[in-house]
Amino acid sequence: MSDTKRPPHDHSRFIRCLGWVATFTAFCMYVSYIPQIMDNLAGHKTSPLQPLAAAFNCTLWVIYGLKVKDLPVAVANAPGVLFGLAAMLTAL
């Protein structure tokens, strides 16, 4: 069935589900900073630049998501702010 013949409710439900699946995968991506943070704390320092850039980028997306009331965008990027900053600070 093409998108033009699909009832509008099905499309909006699909988009809502897609948003939350993307939120979950983004959360997993930012939680993956934990091993880097652990390595940094163990003395195996990594570059702080990438996590700093991620934290800055995620901060902008959280602000955007809150302003336009797009909760999946805000929730998906909130862990990136926290874990990005933690990875950056522990790398110093």
PDB file of N, CA and C in Angstrom:
ATOM      1  N   MET A   1       0.852  -1.172   0.000  1.00  0.00           N
ATOM      2  CA  MET A   1       0.000   0.000   0.000  1.00  0.00           C
ATOM      3  C   MET A   1       0.897   1.235   0.000  1.00  0.00           C
ATOM      4  N   SER A   2       0.666   2.166  -0.883  1.00  0.00           N
ATOM      5  CA  SER A   2       1.494   3.366  -0.958  1.00  0.00           C
ATOM      6  C   SER A   2       1.128   4.323   0.167  1.00  0.00           C
ATOM      7  N   ASP A   3       2.026   5.286   0.413  1.00  0.00           N
ATOM      8  CA  ASP A   3       1.790   6.261   1.473  1.00  0.00           C
ATOM      9  C   ASP A   3       0.556   7.112   1.207  1.00  0.00           C
ATOM     10  N   THR A   4       0.248   7.370  -0.068  1.00  0.00           N
ATOM     11  CA  THR A   4      -0.899   8.214  -0.385  1.00  0.00           C
ATOM     12  C   THR A   4      -2.216   7.527  -0.070  1.00  0.00           C
ATOM     13  N   LYS A   5      -2.252   6.206  -0.050  1.00  0.00           N
ATOM     14  CA  LYS A   5      -3.484   5.474   0.242  1.00  0.00           C
ATOM     15  C   LYS A   5      -3.564   5.013   1.689  1.00  0.00           C
ATOM     16  N   ARG A   6      -2.476   5.155   2.431  1.00  0.00           N
ATOM     17  CA  ARG A   6      -2.454   4.729   3.827  1.00  0.00           C
ATOM     18  C   ARG A   6      -3.208   5.760   4.670  1.00  0.00           C
ATOM     19  N   PRO A   7      -4.046   5.315   5.596  1.00  0.00           N
ATOM     20  CA  PRO A   7      -4.747   6.266   6.459  1.00  0.00           C
ATOM     21  C   PRO A   7      -3.761   7.124   7.246  1.00  0.00           C
ATOM     22  N   PRO A   8      -4.071   8.403   7.464  1.00  0.00           N
ATOM     23  CA  PRO A   8      -3.154   9.313   8.179  1.00  0.00           C
ATOM     24  C   PRO A   8      -2.764   8.805   9.550  1.00  0.00           C
ATOM     25  N   HIS A   9      -3.658   8.105  10.224  1.00  0.00           N
ATOM     26  CA  HIS A   9      -3.355   7.603  11.568  1.00  0.00           C
ATOM     27  C   HIS A   9      -2.183   6.625  11.543  1.00  0.00           C
ATOM     28  N   ASP A  10      -2.137   5.749  10.544  1.00  0.00           N
ATOM     29  CA  ASP A  10      -1.042   4.779  10.445  1.00  0.00           C
ATOM     30  C   ASP A  10       0.294   5.481  10.262  1.00  0.00           C
ATOM     31  N   HIS A  11       0.315   6.529   9.452  1.00  0.00           N
ATOM     32  CA  HIS A  11       1.551   7.261   9.190  1.00  0.00           C
ATOM     33  C   HIS A  11       2.045   7.946  10.460  1.00  0.00           C
ATOM     34  N   SER A  12       1.160   8.622  11.175  1.00  0.00           N
ATOM     35  CA  SER A  12       1.595   9.325  12.383  1.00  0.00           C
ATOM     36  C   SER A  12       2.038   8.337  13.459  1.00  0.00           C
ATOM     37  N   ARG A  13       1.387   7.193  13.524  1.00  0.00           N
ATOM     38  CA  ARG A  13       1.808   6.160  14.485  1.00  0.00           C
ATOM     39  C   ARG A  13       3.185   5.629  14.136  1.00  0.00           C
ATOM     40  N   PHE A  14       3.432   5.416  12.850  1.00  0.00           N
ATOM     41  CA  PHE A  14       4.748   4.964  12.397  1.00  0.00           C
ATOM     42  C   PHE A  14       5.826   5.992  12.751  1.00  0.00           C
ATOM     43  N   ILE A  15       5.561   7.254  12.481  1.00  0.00           N
ATOM     44  CA  ILE A  15       6.533   8.318  12.773  1.00  0.00           C
ATOM     45  C   ILE A  15       6.800   8.406  14.271  1.00  0.00           C
ATOM     46  N   ARG A  16       5.770   8.299  15.079  1.00  0.00           N
ATOM     47  CA  ARG A  16       5.948   8.341  16.540  1.00  0.00           C
ATOM     48  C   ARG A  16       6.806   7.164  17.005  1.00  0.00           C
ATOM     49  N   CYS A  17       6.529   5.973  16.485  1.00  0.00           N
ATOM     50  CA  CYS A  17       7.330   4.792  16.846  1.00  0.00           C
ATOM     51  C   CYS A  17       8.771   4.944  16.368  1.00  0.00           C
ATOM     52  N   LEU A  18       8.935   5.448  15.158  1.00  0.00           N
ATOM     53  CA  LEU A  18      10.277   5.683  14.624  1.00  0.00           C
ATOM     54  C   LEU A  18      11.055   6.647  15.508  1.00  0.00           C
ATOM     55  N   GLY A  19      10.391   7.686  15.972  1.00  0.00           N
ATOM     56  CA  GLY A  19      11.050   8.650  16.862  1.00  0.00           C
ATOM     57  C   GLY A  19      11.548   8.008  18.140  1.00  0.00           C
ATOM     58  N   TRP A  20      10.743   7.147  18.724  1.00  0.00           N
ATOM     59  CA  TRP A  20      11.162   6.515  19.980  1.00  0.00           C
ATOM     60  C   TRP A  20      12.218   5.438  19.758  1.00  0.00           C
ATOM     61  N   VAL A  21      12.174   4.743  18.623  1.00  0.00           N
ATOM     62  CA  VAL A  21      13.238   3.780  18.302  1.00  0.00           C
ATOM     63  C   VAL A  21      14.558   4.537  18.096  1.00  0.00           C
ATOM     64  N   ALA A  22      14.502   5.653  17.394  1.00  0.00           N
ATOM     65  CA  ALA A  22      15.702   6.474  17.200  1.00  0.00           C
ATOM     66  C   ALA A  22      16.202   7.021  18.533  1.00  0.00           C
ATOM     67  N   THR A  23      15.290   7.359  19.426  1.00  0.00           N
ATOM     68  CA  THR A  23      15.669   7.827  20.765  1.00  0.00           C
ATOM     69  C   THR A  23      16.437   6.736  21.505  1.00  0.00           C
ATOM     70  N   PHE A  24      15.946   5.511  21.443  1.00  0.00           N
ATOM     71  CA  PHE A  24      16.610   4.391  22.108  1.00  0.00           C
ATOM     72  C   PHE A  24      18.008   4.160  21.533  1.00  0.00           C
ATOM     73  N   THR A  25      18.139   4.187  20.208  1.00  0.00           N
ATOM     74  CA  THR A  25      19.452   3.945  19.606  1.00  0.00           C
ATOM     75  C   THR A  25      20.423   5.081  19.926  1.00  0.00           C
ATOM     76  N   ALA A  26      19.927   6.311  19.982  1.00  0.00           N
ATOM     77  CA  ALA A  26      20.792   7.434  20.360  1.00  0.00           C
ATOM     78  C   ALA A  26      21.244   7.280  21.807  1.00  0.00           C
ATOM     79  N   PHE A  27      20.340   6.876  22.671  1.00  0.00           N
ATOM     80  CA  PHE A  27      20.683   6.648  24.071  1.00  0.00           C
ATOM     81  C   PHE A  27      21.796   5.608  24.177  1.00  0.00           C
ATOM     82  N   CYS A  28      21.662   4.520  23.424  1.00  0.00           N
ATOM     83  CA  CYS A  28      22.699   3.474  23.421  1.00  0.00           C
ATOM     84  C   CYS A  28      24.039   4.029  22.943  1.00  0.00           C
ATOM     85  N   MET A  29      24.000   4.881  21.938  1.00  0.00           N
ATOM     86  CA  MET A  29      25.232   5.461  21.400  1.00  0.00           C
ATOM     87  C   MET A  29      25.945   6.287  22.483  1.00  0.00           C
ATOM     88  N   TYR A  30      25.198   7.077  23.231  1.00  0.00           N
ATOM     89  CA  TYR A  30      25.835   7.930  24.228  1.00  0.00           C
ATOM     90  C   TYR A  30      26.254   7.143  25.469  1.00  0.00           C
ATOM     91  N   VAL A  31      25.536   6.105  25.810  1.00  0.00           N
ATOM     92  CA  VAL A  31      25.937   5.256  26.930  1.00  0.00           C
ATOM     93  C   VAL A  31      27.252   4.539  26.605  1.00  0.00           C
ATOM     94  N   SER A  32      27.538   4.390  25.317  1.00  0.00           N
ATOM     95  CA  SER A  32      28.793   3.731  24.931  1.00  0.00           C
ATOM     96  C   SER A  32      30.017   4.556  25.318  1.00  0.00           C
ATOM     97  N   TYR A  33      29.826   5.771  25.807  1.00  0.00           N
ATOM     98  CA  TYR A  33      30.944   6.554  26.343  1.00  0.00           C
ATOM     99  C   TYR A  33      31.463   5.974  27.660  1.00  0.00           C
ATOM    100  N   ILE A  34      30.682   5.146  28.319  1.00  0.00           N
ATOM    101  CA  ILE A  34      31.082   4.634  29.631  1.00  0.00           C
ATOM    102  C   ILE A  34      32.436   3.918  29.596  1.00  0.00           C
ATOM    103  N   PRO A  35      32.714   3.029  28.624  1.00  0.00           N
ATOM    104  CA  PRO A  35      34.052   2.415  28.592  1.00  0.00           C
ATOM    105  C   PRO A  35      35.174   3.439  28.390  1.00  0.00           C
ATOM    106  N   GLN A  36      34.911   4.472  27.588  1.00  0.00           N
ATOM    107  CA  GLN A  36      35.920   5.521  27.387  1.00  0.00           C
ATOM    108  C   GLN A  36      36.154   6.268  28.695  1.00  0.00           C
ATOM    109  N   ILE A  37      35.107   6.559  29.410  1.00  0.00           N
ATOM    110  CA  ILE A  37      35.238   7.241  30.707  1.00  0.00           C
ATOM    111  C   ILE A  37      36.024   6.364  31.678  1.00  0.00           C
ATOM    112  N   MET A  38      35.721   5.067  31.681  1.00  0.00           N
ATOM    113  CA  MET A  38      36.442   4.142  32.563  1.00  0.00           C
ATOM    114  C   MET A  38      37.924   4.077  32.191  1.00  0.00           C
ATOM    115  N   ASP A  39      38.241   4.044  30.883  1.00  0.00           N
ATOM    116  CA  ASP A  39      39.644   4.053  30.450  1.00  0.00           C
ATOM    117  C   ASP A  39      40.333   5.338  30.879  1.00  0.00           C
ATOM    118  N   ASN A  40      39.639   6.470  30.716  1.00  0.00           N
ATOM    119  CA  ASN A  40      40.220   7.746  31.131  1.00  0.00           C
ATOM    120  C   ASN A  40      40.542   7.738  32.619  1.00  0.00           C
ATOM    121  N   LEU A  41      39.618   7.229  33.410  1.00  0.00           N
ATOM    122  CA  LEU A  41      39.835   7.191  34.863  1.00  0.00           C
ATOM    123  C   LEU A  41      40.931   6.213  35.251  1.00  0.00           C
ATOM    124  N   ALA A  42      41.165   5.196  34.418  1.00  0.00           N
ATOM    125  CA  ALA A  42      42.224   4.218  34.684  1.00  0.00           C
ATOM    126  C   ALA A  42      43.588   4.708  34.207  1.00  0.00           C
ATOM    127  N   GLY A  43      43.628   5.914  33.645  1.00  0.00           N
ATOM    128  CA  GLY A  43      44.900   6.484  33.212  1.00  0.00           C
ATOM    129  C   GLY A  43      45.192   6.336  31.730  1.00  0.00           C
ATOM    130  N   HIS A  44      44.304   5.726  30.977  1.00  0.00           N
ATOM    131  CA  HIS A  44      44.473   5.574  29.528  1.00  0.00           C
ATOM    132  C   HIS A  44      43.686   6.683  28.839  1.00  0.00           C
ATOM    133  N   LYS A  45      44.252   7.879  28.868  1.00  0.00           N
ATOM    134  CA  LYS A  45      43.541   9.073  28.420  1.00  0.00           C
ATOM    135  C   LYS A  45      43.268   9.043  26.916  1.00  0.00           C
ATOM    136  N   THR A  46      42.101   9.546  26.550  1.00  0.00           N
ATOM    137  CA  THR A  46      41.712   9.693  25.155  1.00  0.00           C
ATOM    138  C   THR A  46      41.552  11.181  24.857  1.00  0.00           C
ATOM    139  N   SER A  47      41.321  11.507  23.617  1.00  0.00           N
ATOM    140  CA  SER A  47      41.141  12.899  23.230  1.00  0.00           C
ATOM    141  C   SER A  47      39.821  13.436  23.778  1.00  0.00           C
ATOM    142  N   PRO A  48      39.838  14.636  24.356  1.00  0.00           N
ATOM    143  CA  PRO A  48      38.596  15.220  24.862  1.00  0.00           C
ATOM    144  C   PRO A  48      37.773  15.926  23.776  1.00  0.00           C
ATOM    145  N   LEU A  49      38.322  16.085  22.594  1.00  0.00           N
ATOM    146  CA  LEU A  49      37.678  16.897  21.563  1.00  0.00           C
ATOM    147  C   LEU A  49      36.344  16.313  21.072  1.00  0.00           C
ATOM    148  N   GLN A  50      36.312  15.031  20.727  1.00  0.00           N
ATOM    149  CA  GLN A  50      35.081  14.448  20.187  1.00  0.00           C
ATOM    150  C   GLN A  50      33.953  14.456  21.217  1.00  0.00           C
ATOM    151  N   PRO A  51      34.197  14.040  22.475  1.00  0.00           N
ATOM    152  CA  PRO A  51      33.101  14.096  23.446  1.00  0.00           C
ATOM    153  C   PRO A  51      32.634  15.530  23.728  1.00  0.00           C
ATOM    154  N   LEU A  52      33.544  16.497  23.681  1.00  0.00           N
ATOM    155  CA  LEU A  52      33.157  17.894  23.864  1.00  0.00           C
ATOM    156  C   LEU A  52      32.250  18.338  22.725  1.00  0.00           C
ATOM    157  N   ALA A  53      32.613  17.994  21.499  1.00  0.00           N
ATOM    158  CA  ALA A  53      31.787  18.344  20.337  1.00  0.00           C
ATOM    159  C   ALA A  53      30.418  17.661  20.439  1.00  0.00           C
ATOM    160  N   ALA A  54      30.396  16.405  20.875  1.00  0.00           N
ATOM    161  CA  ALA A  54      29.124  15.693  21.034  1.00  0.00           C
ATOM    162  C   ALA A  54      28.258  16.359  22.101  1.00  0.00           C
ATOM    163  N   ALA A  55      28.865  16.744  23.216  1.00  0.00           N
ATOM    164  CA  ALA A  55      28.112  17.394  24.291  1.00  0.00           C
ATOM    165  C   ALA A  55      27.531  18.724  23.817  1.00  0.00           C
ATOM    166  N   PHE A  56      28.310  19.486  23.076  1.00  0.00           N
ATOM    167  CA  PHE A  56      27.834  20.770  22.551  1.00  0.00           C
ATOM    168  C   PHE A  56      26.689  20.544  21.560  1.00  0.00           C
ATOM    169  N   ASN A  57      26.877  19.602  20.640  1.00  0.00           N
ATOM    170  CA  ASN A  57      25.850  19.279  19.654  1.00  0.00           C
ATOM    171  C   ASN A  57      24.563  18.815  20.344  1.00  0.00           C
ATOM    172  N   CYS A  58      24.709  17.944  21.319  1.00  0.00           N
ATOM    173  CA  CYS A  58      23.534  17.421  22.020  1.00  0.00           C
ATOM    174  C   CYS A  58      22.815  18.506  22.814  1.00  0.00           C
ATOM    175  N   THR A  59      23.576  19.432  23.383  1.00  0.00           N
ATOM    176  CA  THR A  59      22.962  20.551  24.096  1.00  0.00           C
ATOM    177  C   THR A  59      22.055  21.340  23.160  1.00  0.00           C
ATOM    178  N   LEU A  60      22.549  21.611  21.956  1.00  0.00           N
ATOM    179  CA  LEU A  60      21.741  22.340  20.975  1.00  0.00           C
ATOM    180  C   LEU A  60      20.478  21.562  20.608  1.00  0.00           C
ATOM    181  N   TRP A  61      20.605  20.237  20.429  1.00  0.00           N
ATOM    182  CA  TRP A  61      19.440  19.429  20.073  1.00  0.00           C
ATOM    183  C   TRP A  61      18.440  19.336  21.214  1.00  0.00           C
ATOM    184  N   VAL A  62      18.919  19.282  22.455  1.00  0.00           N
ATOM    185  CA  VAL A  62      18.006  19.259  23.599  1.00  0.00           C
ATOM    186  C   VAL A  62      17.217  20.567  23.659  1.00  0.00           C
ATOM    187  N   ILE A  63      17.897  21.683  23.488  1.00  0.00           N
ATOM    188  CA  ILE A  63      17.217  22.982  23.480  1.00  0.00           C
ATOM    189  C   ILE A  63      16.180  23.027  22.364  1.00  0.00           C
ATOM    190  N   TYR A  64      16.586  22.604  21.174  1.00  0.00           N
ATOM    191  CA  TYR A  64      15.667  22.566  20.035  1.00  0.00           C
ATOM    192  C   TYR A  64      14.451  21.688  20.349  1.00  0.00           C
ATOM    193  N   GLY A  65      14.688  20.476  20.826  1.00  0.00           N
ATOM    194  CA  GLY A  65      13.600  19.551  21.118  1.00  0.00           C
ATOM    195  C   GLY A  65      12.628  20.102  22.143  1.00  0.00           C
ATOM    196  N   LEU A  66      13.147  20.792  23.151  1.00  0.00           N
ATOM    197  CA  LEU A  66      12.276  21.372  24.166  1.00  0.00           C
ATOM    198  C   LEU A  66      11.494  22.558  23.614  1.00  0.00           C
ATOM    199  N   LYS A  67      12.135  23.365  22.781  1.00  0.00           N
ATOM    200  CA  LYS A  67      11.477  24.551  22.208  1.00  0.00           C
ATOM    201  C   LYS A  67      10.339  24.177  21.269  1.00  0.00           C
ATOM    202  N   VAL A  68      10.549  23.162  20.426  1.00  0.00           N
ATOM    203  CA  VAL A  68       9.508  22.786  19.462  1.00  0.00           C
ATOM    204  C   VAL A  68       8.624  21.661  19.997  1.00  0.00           C
ATOM    205  N   LYS A  69       8.820  21.308  21.270  1.00  0.00           N
ATOM    206  CA  LYS A  69       8.039  20.258  21.931  1.00  0.00           C
ATOM    207  C   LYS A  69       8.156  18.918  21.201  1.00  0.00           C
ATOM    208  N   ASP A  70       9.398  18.573  20.855  1.00  0.00           N
ATOM    209  CA  ASP A  70       9.702  17.278  20.234  1.00  0.00           C
ATOM    210  C   ASP A  70      10.460  16.463  21.267  1.00  0.00           C
ATOM    211  N   LEU A  71       9.706  15.802  22.136  1.00  0.00           N
ATOM    212  CA  LEU A  71      10.285  15.083  23.266  1.00  0.00           C
ATOM    213  C   LEU A  71      11.287  14.006  22.864  1.00  0.00           C
ATOM    214  N   PRO A  72      11.038  13.208  21.811  1.00  0.00           N
ATOM    215  CA  PRO A  72      12.046  12.209  21.445  1.00  0.00           C
ATOM    216  C   PRO A  72      13.407  12.830  21.113  1.00  0.00           C
ATOM    217  N   VAL A  73      13.425  13.980  20.464  1.00  0.00           N
ATOM    218  CA  VAL A  73      14.698  14.634  20.137  1.00  0.00           C
ATOM    219  C   VAL A  73      15.409  15.068  21.415  1.00  0.00           C
ATOM    220  N   ALA A  74      14.670  15.664  22.342  1.00  0.00           N
ATOM    221  CA  ALA A  74      15.274  16.123  23.596  1.00  0.00           C
ATOM    222  C   ALA A  74      15.770  14.941  24.430  1.00  0.00           C
ATOM    223  N   VAL A  75      14.956  13.908  24.562  1.00  0.00           N
ATOM    224  CA  VAL A  75      15.330  12.741  25.374  1.00  0.00           C
ATOM    225  C   VAL A  75      16.508  11.998  24.748  1.00  0.00           C
ATOM    226  N   ALA A  76      16.509  11.898  23.426  1.00  0.00           N
ATOM    227  CA  ALA A  76      17.583  11.172  22.735  1.00  0.00           C
ATOM    228  C   ALA A  76      18.936  11.836  22.936  1.00  0.00           C
ATOM    229  N   ASN A  77      18.962  13.148  23.050  1.00  0.00           N
ATOM    230  CA  ASN A  77      20.225  13.866  23.125  1.00  0.00           C
ATOM    231  C   ASN A  77      20.661  14.228  24.539  1.00  0.00           C
ATOM    232  N   ALA A  78      19.766  14.140  25.506  1.00  0.00           N
ATOM    233  CA  ALA A  78      20.126  14.474  26.892  1.00  0.00           C
ATOM    234  C   ALA A  78      21.280  13.629  27.428  1.00  0.00           C
ATOM    235  N   PRO A  79      21.305  12.310  27.201  1.00  0.00           N
ATOM    236  CA  PRO A  79      22.450  11.541  27.689  1.00  0.00           C
ATOM    237  C   PRO A  79      23.757  11.950  27.023  1.00  0.00           C
ATOM    238  N   GLY A  80      23.683  12.440  25.794  1.00  0.00           N
ATOM    239  CA  GLY A  80      24.891  12.886  25.104  1.00  0.00           C
ATOM    240  C   GLY A  80      25.534  14.079  25.784  1.00  0.00           C
ATOM    241  N   VAL A  81      24.710  14.930  26.362  1.00  0.00           N
ATOM    242  CA  VAL A  81      25.243  16.079  27.116  1.00  0.00           C
ATOM    243  C   VAL A  81      26.007  15.563  28.324  1.00  0.00           C
ATOM    244  N   LEU A  82      25.367  14.697  29.095  1.00  0.00           N
ATOM    245  CA  LEU A  82      25.977  14.203  30.343  1.00  0.00           C
ATOM    246  C   LEU A  82      27.205  13.332  30.082  1.00  0.00           C
ATOM    247  N   PHE A  83      27.049  12.317  29.230  1.00  0.00           N
ATOM    248  CA  PHE A  83      28.159  11.402  28.986  1.00  0.00           C
ATOM    249  C   PHE A  83      29.272  12.059  28.177  1.00  0.00           C
ATOM    250  N   GLY A  84      28.919  12.958  27.268  1.00  0.00           N
ATOM    251  CA  GLY A  84      29.933  13.682  26.504  1.00  0.00           C
ATOM    252  C   GLY A  84      30.802  14.543  27.416  1.00  0.00           C
ATOM    253  N   LEU A  85      30.134  15.269  28.330  1.00  0.00           N
ATOM    254  CA  LEU A  85      30.892  16.089  29.284  1.00  0.00           C
ATOM    255  C   LEU A  85      31.733  15.233  30.214  1.00  0.00           C
ATOM    256  N   ALA A  86      31.167  14.116  30.670  1.00  0.00           N
ATOM    257  CA  ALA A  86      31.925  13.227  31.560  1.00  0.00           C
ATOM    258  C   ALA A  86      33.145  12.670  30.847  1.00  0.00           C
ATOM    259  N   ALA A  87      32.978  12.248  29.589  1.00  0.00           N
ATOM    260  CA  ALA A  87      34.119  11.705  28.827  1.00  0.00           C
ATOM    261  C   ALA A  87      35.162  12.791  28.583  1.00  0.00           C
ATOM    262  N   MET A  88      34.705  13.987  28.279  1.00  0.00           N
ATOM    263  CA  MET A  88      35.639  15.093  28.035  1.00  0.00           C
ATOM    264  C   MET A  88      36.402  15.460  29.301  1.00  0.00           C
ATOM    265  N   LEU A  89      35.695  15.582  30.416  1.00  0.00           N
ATOM    266  CA  LEU A  89      36.349  15.974  31.665  1.00  0.00           C
ATOM    267  C   LEU A  89      37.327  14.925  32.172  1.00  0.00           C
ATOM    268  N   THR A  90      36.969  13.661  32.037  1.00  0.00           N
ATOM    269  CA  THR A  90      37.863  12.612  32.513  1.00  0.00           C
ATOM    270  C   THR A  90      39.084  12.443  31.582  1.00  0.00           C
ATOM    271  N   ALA A  91      38.975  12.954  30.351  1.00  0.00           N
ATOM    272  CA  ALA A  91      40.102  12.848  29.410  1.00  0.00           C
ATOM    273  C   ALA A  91      41.151  13.932  29.668  1.00  0.00           C
ATOM    274  N   LEU A  92      40.797  14.942  30.450  1.00  0.00           N
ATOM    275  CA  LEU A  92      41.748  16.037  30.704  1.00  0.00           C
ATOM    276  C   LEU A  92      42.819  15.637  31.699  1.00  0.00           C
TER     277      LEU A  92
END
